Amino acid sequence: MPGGLSLRVDTKCPVGFSSDIDYAIECGGNLAGRACRGHGTVLVQRLPFSRLADRVRQNFSAVR
């Protein structure tokens, strides 16, 4: 991330990040999120893994 920016994502979405990113789980009110800060690369999956797996399973079943 350029300039040491901060990025918060839903805890249900897998996140990959380079070693120069600081990572923490932060809670605020009823919300919990993953906070990534620093200079480096952050990879975020748009769908939570469980929903992605459901969609793959649905489409795989339709092909058979």
C-alpha atoms as a PDB file:
ATOM      1  CA  MET A   1       0.000   0.000   0.000  1.00  0.00           C
ATOM      2  CA  PRO A   2       1.459   3.361  -0.907  1.00  0.00           C
ATOM      3  CA  GLY A   3       2.344   5.877   1.774  1.00  0.00           C
ATOM      4  CA  GLY A   4       1.750   3.579   4.736  1.00  0.00           C
ATOM      5  CA  LEU A   5      -2.032   3.722   4.377  1.00  0.00           C
ATOM      6  CA  SER A   6      -4.447   1.716   6.496  1.00  0.00           C
ATOM      7  CA  LEU A   7      -6.957  -0.805   5.111  1.00  0.00           C
ATOM      8  CA  ARG A   8      -9.781  -2.465   7.053  1.00  0.00           C
ATOM      9  CA  VAL A   9     -11.578  -5.535   5.745  1.00  0.00           C
ATOM     10  CA  ASP A  10     -14.246  -7.928   7.023  1.00  0.00           C
ATOM     11  CA  THR A  11     -12.835 -10.748   9.166  1.00  0.00           C
ATOM     12  CA  LYS A  12     -14.644 -13.334   7.000  1.00  0.00           C
ATOM     13  CA  CYS A  13     -12.601 -12.469   3.908  1.00  0.00           C
ATOM     14  CA  PRO A  14      -9.192 -14.130   3.644  1.00  0.00           C
ATOM     15  CA  VAL A  15      -6.350 -11.639   3.418  1.00  0.00           C
ATOM     16  CA  GLY A  16      -2.793 -12.172   2.233  1.00  0.00           C
ATOM     17  CA  PHE A  17      -0.130  -9.561   2.820  1.00  0.00           C
ATOM     18  CA  SER A  18       3.590  -9.008   2.452  1.00  0.00           C
ATOM     19  CA  SER A  19       5.907  -9.200   5.463  1.00  0.00           C
ATOM     20  CA  ASP A  20       6.219  -5.413   5.757  1.00  0.00           C
ATOM     21  CA  ILE A  21       2.493  -4.988   6.551  1.00  0.00           C
ATOM     22  CA  ASP A  22       1.342  -4.732  10.181  1.00  0.00           C
ATOM     23  CA  TYR A  23      -1.784  -6.806  10.789  1.00  0.00           C
ATOM     24  CA  ALA A  24      -4.286  -6.699  13.650  1.00  0.00           C
ATOM     25  CA  ILE A  25      -7.877  -7.620  14.407  1.00  0.00           C
ATOM     26  CA  GLU A  26      -9.749  -4.570  15.690  1.00  0.00           C
ATOM     27  CA  CYS A  27     -13.187  -4.398  17.286  1.00  0.00           C
ATOM     28  CA  GLY A  28     -15.457  -1.383  17.377  1.00  0.00           C
ATOM     29  CA  GLY A  29     -19.009  -1.629  18.664  1.00  0.00           C
ATOM     30  CA  ASN A  30     -20.605  -4.716  17.096  1.00  0.00           C
ATOM     31  CA  LEU A  31     -18.078  -4.811  14.263  1.00  0.00           C
ATOM     32  CA  ALA A  32     -14.785  -6.659  14.042  1.00  0.00           C
ATOM     33  CA  GLY A  33     -12.327  -6.198  11.218  1.00  0.00           C
ATOM     34  CA  ARG A  34      -8.791  -6.866  10.102  1.00  0.00           C
ATOM     35  CA  ALA A  35      -6.590  -3.809   9.927  1.00  0.00           C
ATOM     36  CA  CYS A  36      -3.555  -3.784   7.637  1.00  0.00           C
ATOM     37  CA  ARG A  37      -1.073  -0.895   7.798  1.00  0.00           C
ATOM     38  CA  GLY A  38       2.261  -0.140   6.227  1.00  0.00           C
ATOM     39  CA  HIS A  39       4.095  -0.158   2.919  1.00  0.00           C
ATOM     40  CA  GLY A  40       3.612  -3.343   0.917  1.00  0.00           C
ATOM     41  CA  THR A  41       1.057  -5.552  -0.797  1.00  0.00           C
ATOM     42  CA  VAL A  42      -2.343  -6.621   0.557  1.00  0.00           C
ATOM     43  CA  LEU A  43      -4.523  -9.225  -1.206  1.00  0.00           C
ATOM     44  CA  VAL A  44      -8.240  -9.223  -0.393  1.00  0.00           C
ATOM     45  CA  GLN A  45     -10.841 -11.742  -1.534  1.00  0.00           C
ATOM     46  CA  ARG A  46     -14.167 -10.103  -2.243  1.00  0.00           C
ATOM     47  CA  LEU A  47     -16.378 -12.986  -1.069  1.00  0.00           C
ATOM     48  CA  PRO A  48     -16.029 -14.772   2.253  1.00  0.00           C
ATOM     49  CA  PHE A  49     -14.595 -18.232   1.586  1.00  0.00           C
ATOM     50  CA  SER A  50     -17.796 -20.017   2.683  1.00  0.00           C
ATOM     51  CA  ARG A  51     -19.884 -18.107   0.101  1.00  0.00           C
ATOM     52  CA  LEU A  52     -17.281 -18.721  -2.598  1.00  0.00           C
ATOM     53  CA  ALA A  53     -17.347 -22.461  -1.832  1.00  0.00           C
ATOM     54  CA  ASP A  54     -21.163 -22.462  -2.009  1.00  0.00           C
ATOM     55  CA  ARG A  55     -21.090 -20.825  -5.453  1.00  0.00           C
ATOM     56  CA  VAL A  56     -18.501 -23.278  -6.757  1.00  0.00           C
ATOM     57  CA  ARG A  57     -20.543 -26.194  -5.415  1.00  0.00           C
ATOM     58  CA  GLN A  58     -23.749 -24.832  -7.022  1.00  0.00           C
ATOM     59  CA  ASN A  59     -22.093 -24.375 -10.400  1.00  0.00           C
ATOM     60  CA  PHE A  60     -20.348 -27.727 -10.250  1.00  0.00           C
ATOM     61  CA  SER A  61     -23.656 -29.457  -9.509  1.00  0.00           C
ATOM     62  CA  ALA A  62     -25.317 -27.679 -12.449  1.00  0.00           C
ATOM     63  CA  VAL A  63     -22.665 -28.997 -14.871  1.00  0.00           C
ATOM     64  CA  ARG A  64     -23.251 -32.633 -13.951  1.00  0.00           C
END
